[in-house]
Amino acid sequence: MSTLARAPLRREDWLQAAASHRARARTWTQPTRDRRARGEKHPVDDFLHTYYRLSLGKLERWHPGFGVAVEDCVEARSMFPERYYRFGKGSCHAEPALLGGKARERLGFTLRLLRATRSRPPNFACHGLHEWAMVYRGTMVRHRETVPLRLPQEEIDTLVRSQPLCCSHFDAFRFFAPEAQLLNHLQPDLWAREDNEQPGCIHANMDLYKWAAKSLPWVPSELLWKCFHLALKAREIDMRASPYDLSGFGYEPIAVETAAGRSAYEKEQRLLTREAGPLRDDLISQLDEVLAAG
């Protein structure tokens, strides 16, 4: 059983923190609900709520994270599931001793992957060509119904063939057109993610939101939110560097089909990597403590 050195957060304090988190999250979740009601799609914002699968309600729900207790009250018992929270003596907290075997294995895999990713030197030579490889030869244009391509298919195919493909992220690589997969320097697969992912990858940094979400309630919502905000930045850069025309949504392209565009993409990629580093460190530290305490 874990031990908590700090006094529990007072009811009024943690309820205010929960309300502030919910209000902040709703600046993104409510527009998503409104778009869904109208049957509209957004090529950047919707991705974080569909691909990553964390429900809008769960993104809005506040958790204090491991090592922080809160005063027990009616609100606490309605917000925090007894599956992972221990209630008693006027307070409640996330208790690692309640982790089941599968949940512990999932957190252990996440921790190993984050550590392995952090241990490698970053690669900034991919130039965002994954989205181009996905639409190679025009057989699988995933966002065709939402946004058009900004270049003719022939020019897209020529760029894919003329530039080295070095995608290290399985969840990007698996959406490549089959012919483009053969052109990639690496052949990442699901079971070798610990051997391939590296901290310069825009998707590996975007995925910090996924790993934080999968680690709830053991990580605090403040860290989840920071990872969400980083993922939103990464997705915007990702799509601006794609062959899609997002001008109708107010996004200027990063024209990676040119040398200047590739340089601009690399600059953005390096800034994201710098911002992602401390978040990855925080996730590693938090999961390390949870698994040790359990």
Foldseek 3Di string as FASTA:
>chain_A
DDDAPDDAAEPVVVVVVLVVLLVVLCVLLVVVVVCVVVVADDQQSVCCCPVLVDHSVNLSGWAAAARHKHFDDPVCPVRDDPLQWDDDDGIIGGALVSDDPVLLVLLVVLLLLLVLQAVDDADLQQLLCLLLQLCQVNPCNPCVVRFHFPDDNVLSNVLLVPGQHADQAAVSLVSGDPVSNVRYPDNDDDVCSSVGHYLLDLVVLLCLLSSVSSPPPNGGSVLNVLSPVLNSLSSLLSVLAHRTDPVVVPHHHLPSSDPNSSVVSSVSSVVSSVSSVVSSVSSSVSSVVSSVSD
